Every structure is written in C-alpha cells, then in structure tokens.
Amino acid sequence: MTQSRDPNSETWTIEVHKSGVVTPRNPPNWWTPSVDNYLGSVPKARIRAVVAEAVSEHAAVPLAKLKKAAITKMAEQQIVGTGWLPSILRTA
C-alpha cells in the first residue's frame, strides 16, 4: 500500500511494504534534524560527522572545540535546508 498527498501538505506520506514495515516517503519534506529530535541524542563526534556530510568538512572543524550544547545549536543552524537525513530515514 502506498499513500501519497500534495507535497505541500503537512500530512505524512507513507509506504507499507509486504513485510509490514512502514517507510516514510520524502522525509526531507517533513523532518529536519534538530537539537530536540536528533542532535541532542548523539555524541559530539557524530554531530561533527553529520555536519561534514551535510555541509562540508571545513564547516565541521570549528565544532570540535565546543561543548555539546553549543555544537548542537550550531549544527542545527548549519544543517537546515540541506536535506540531510540519518541513514534510517534514507530511502534507496
């Protein structure tokens, strides 16, 4: 089963596989990593890796010397609009 709606809608679009696994479709349209939903829950090294992947290696360098609260806020600002997703939300 596949459900789809207008991409401008706030309704989530999902796909249910034969195995019963529910997969969100087009996650960048409805999910953005933030301090509250992702960045605050992962180690500082992971946050730096996320910024390096989503933005650039150069953008991740200044994060190395910051404390967790500062890293998460700065990373959130840098990642906005890049469409970066954690691997679990990526679709092939």
C-alpha atoms as a PDB file:
ATOM      1  CA  MET A   1       0.000   0.000   0.000  1.00  0.00           C
ATOM      2  CA  THR A   2       1.268   3.443  -0.840  1.00  0.00           C
ATOM      3  CA  GLN A   3      -0.280   6.691   0.269  1.00  0.00           C
ATOM      4  CA  SER A   4       0.579   9.983  -1.319  1.00  0.00           C
ATOM      5  CA  ARG A   5      -0.613  13.536  -0.934  1.00  0.00           C
ATOM      6  CA  ASP A   6       0.242  17.008  -2.091  1.00  0.00           C
ATOM      7  CA  PRO A   7       3.934  17.583  -1.206  1.00  0.00           C
ATOM      8  CA  ASN A   8       2.946  20.900   0.379  1.00  0.00           C
ATOM      9  CA  SER A   9       0.629  19.109   2.784  1.00  0.00           C
ATOM     10  CA  GLU A  10       1.676  18.599   6.399  1.00  0.00           C
ATOM     11  CA  THR A  11       0.328  15.037   6.232  1.00  0.00           C
ATOM     12  CA  TRP A  12       2.964  12.333   6.306  1.00  0.00           C
ATOM     13  CA  THR A  13       3.224  10.140   3.260  1.00  0.00           C
ATOM     14  CA  ILE A  14       3.986   6.507   3.984  1.00  0.00           C
ATOM     15  CA  GLU A  15       4.574   3.268   2.181  1.00  0.00           C
ATOM     16  CA  VAL A  16       3.676  -0.060   3.757  1.00  0.00           C
ATOM     17  CA  HIS A  17       5.754  -2.949   2.434  1.00  0.00           C
ATOM     18  CA  LYS A  18       4.535  -6.539   2.148  1.00  0.00           C
ATOM     19  CA  SER A  19       6.609  -7.289   5.245  1.00  0.00           C
ATOM     20  CA  GLY A  20       4.513  -4.801   7.208  1.00  0.00           C
ATOM     21  CA  VAL A  21       7.351  -2.297   7.509  1.00  0.00           C
ATOM     22  CA  VAL A  22       6.175   1.292   7.288  1.00  0.00           C
ATOM     23  CA  THR A  23       8.530   3.595   5.412  1.00  0.00           C
ATOM     24  CA  PRO A  24       8.070   7.358   5.363  1.00  0.00           C
ATOM     25  CA  ARG A  25       8.225   8.825   1.873  1.00  0.00           C
ATOM     26  CA  ASN A  26      10.125  12.007   1.152  1.00  0.00           C
ATOM     27  CA  PRO A  27      11.302  12.507   4.750  1.00  0.00           C
ATOM     28  CA  PRO A  28      13.137  15.774   3.951  1.00  0.00           C
ATOM     29  CA  ASN A  29       9.709  17.270   3.261  1.00  0.00           C
ATOM     30  CA  TRP A  30       8.539  16.664   6.829  1.00  0.00           C
ATOM     31  CA  TRP A  31      11.591  16.038   9.028  1.00  0.00           C
ATOM     32  CA  THR A  32      14.680  18.127   9.734  1.00  0.00           C
ATOM     33  CA  PRO A  33      17.307  17.175  12.308  1.00  0.00           C
ATOM     34  CA  SER A  34      17.149  19.404  15.368  1.00  0.00           C
ATOM     35  CA  VAL A  35      18.538  19.530  18.889  1.00  0.00           C
ATOM     36  CA  ASP A  36      15.290  18.063  20.223  1.00  0.00           C
ATOM     37  CA  ASN A  37      14.748  15.217  17.764  1.00  0.00           C
ATOM     38  CA  TYR A  38      18.262  14.029  16.880  1.00  0.00           C
ATOM     39  CA  LEU A  39      21.320  16.173  17.572  1.00  0.00           C
ATOM     40  CA  GLY A  40      20.833  16.251  21.333  1.00  0.00           C
ATOM     41  CA  SER A  41      20.807  12.445  21.432  1.00  0.00           C
ATOM     42  CA  VAL A  42      24.009  11.620  19.569  1.00  0.00           C
ATOM     43  CA  PRO A  43      27.663  12.042  20.602  1.00  0.00           C
ATOM     44  CA  LYS A  44      29.649  15.133  19.642  1.00  0.00           C
ATOM     45  CA  ALA A  45      31.727  13.122  17.169  1.00  0.00           C
ATOM     46  CA  ARG A  46      28.553  12.041  15.356  1.00  0.00           C
ATOM     47  CA  ILE A  47      27.330  15.632  15.172  1.00  0.00           C
ATOM     48  CA  ARG A  48      30.620  16.686  13.594  1.00  0.00           C
ATOM     49  CA  ALA A  49      30.330  13.820  11.103  1.00  0.00           C
ATOM     50  CA  VAL A  50      26.773  14.887  10.240  1.00  0.00           C
ATOM     51  CA  VAL A  51      27.869  18.475   9.568  1.00  0.00           C
ATOM     52  CA  ALA A  52      30.813  17.234   7.495  1.00  0.00           C
ATOM     53  CA  GLU A  53      28.462  15.080   5.411  1.00  0.00           C
ATOM     54  CA  ALA A  54      25.614  17.599   5.111  1.00  0.00           C
ATOM     55  CA  VAL A  55      27.641  20.787   4.704  1.00  0.00           C
ATOM     56  CA  SER A  56      31.405  20.266   4.416  1.00  0.00           C
ATOM     57  CA  GLU A  57      34.466  19.039   6.287  1.00  0.00           C
ATOM     58  CA  HIS A  58      35.504  22.667   6.684  1.00  0.00           C
ATOM     59  CA  ALA A  59      32.197  23.553   8.388  1.00  0.00           C
ATOM     60  CA  ALA A  60      32.673  20.736  10.919  1.00  0.00           C
ATOM     61  CA  VAL A  61      36.154  21.807  12.090  1.00  0.00           C
ATOM     62  CA  PRO A  62      35.091  24.635  14.469  1.00  0.00           C
ATOM     63  CA  LEU A  63      32.675  22.287  16.234  1.00  0.00           C
ATOM     64  CA  ALA A  64      35.498  20.183  17.675  1.00  0.00           C
ATOM     65  CA  LYS A  65      36.316  22.654  20.459  1.00  0.00           C
ATOM     66  CA  LEU A  66      32.760  23.456  21.536  1.00  0.00           C
ATOM     67  CA  LYS A  67      30.691  21.963  24.334  1.00  0.00           C
ATOM     68  CA  LYS A  68      27.726  19.749  23.476  1.00  0.00           C
ATOM     69  CA  ALA A  69      25.048  22.449  23.859  1.00  0.00           C
ATOM     70  CA  ALA A  70      26.912  24.825  21.549  1.00  0.00           C
ATOM     71  CA  ILE A  71      27.688  22.103  18.996  1.00  0.00           C
ATOM     72  CA  THR A  72      24.064  21.020  18.746  1.00  0.00           C
ATOM     73  CA  LYS A  73      22.788  24.555  18.222  1.00  0.00           C
ATOM     74  CA  MET A  74      25.435  25.419  15.638  1.00  0.00           C
ATOM     75  CA  ALA A  75      24.970  22.121  13.816  1.00  0.00           C
ATOM     76  CA  GLU A  76      21.210  22.611  13.688  1.00  0.00           C
ATOM     77  CA  GLN A  77      21.694  26.010  12.048  1.00  0.00           C
ATOM     78  CA  GLN A  78      24.199  24.639   9.522  1.00  0.00           C
ATOM     79  CA  ILE A  79      22.115  21.611   8.538  1.00  0.00           C
ATOM     80  CA  VAL A  80      18.852  23.471   7.885  1.00  0.00           C
ATOM     81  CA  GLY A  81      17.874  23.240   4.234  1.00  0.00           C
ATOM     82  CA  THR A  82      20.447  20.618   3.263  1.00  0.00           C
ATOM     83  CA  GLY A  83      18.012  17.693   3.199  1.00  0.00           C
ATOM     84  CA  TRP A  84      20.390  15.584   5.313  1.00  0.00           C
ATOM     85  CA  LEU A  85      18.790  12.533   6.932  1.00  0.00           C
ATOM     86  CA  PRO A  86      20.057   9.836   9.290  1.00  0.00           C
ATOM     87  CA  SER A  87      20.562   6.533   7.482  1.00  0.00           C
ATOM     88  CA  ILE A  88      17.421   5.016   8.994  1.00  0.00           C
ATOM     89  CA  LEU A  89      15.280   7.605   7.173  1.00  0.00           C
ATOM     90  CA  ARG A  90      17.078   7.387   3.839  1.00  0.00           C
ATOM     91  CA  THR A  91      15.388   5.516   1.043  1.00  0.00           C
ATOM     92  CA  ALA A  92      17.077   3.971  -1.949  1.00  0.00           C
END
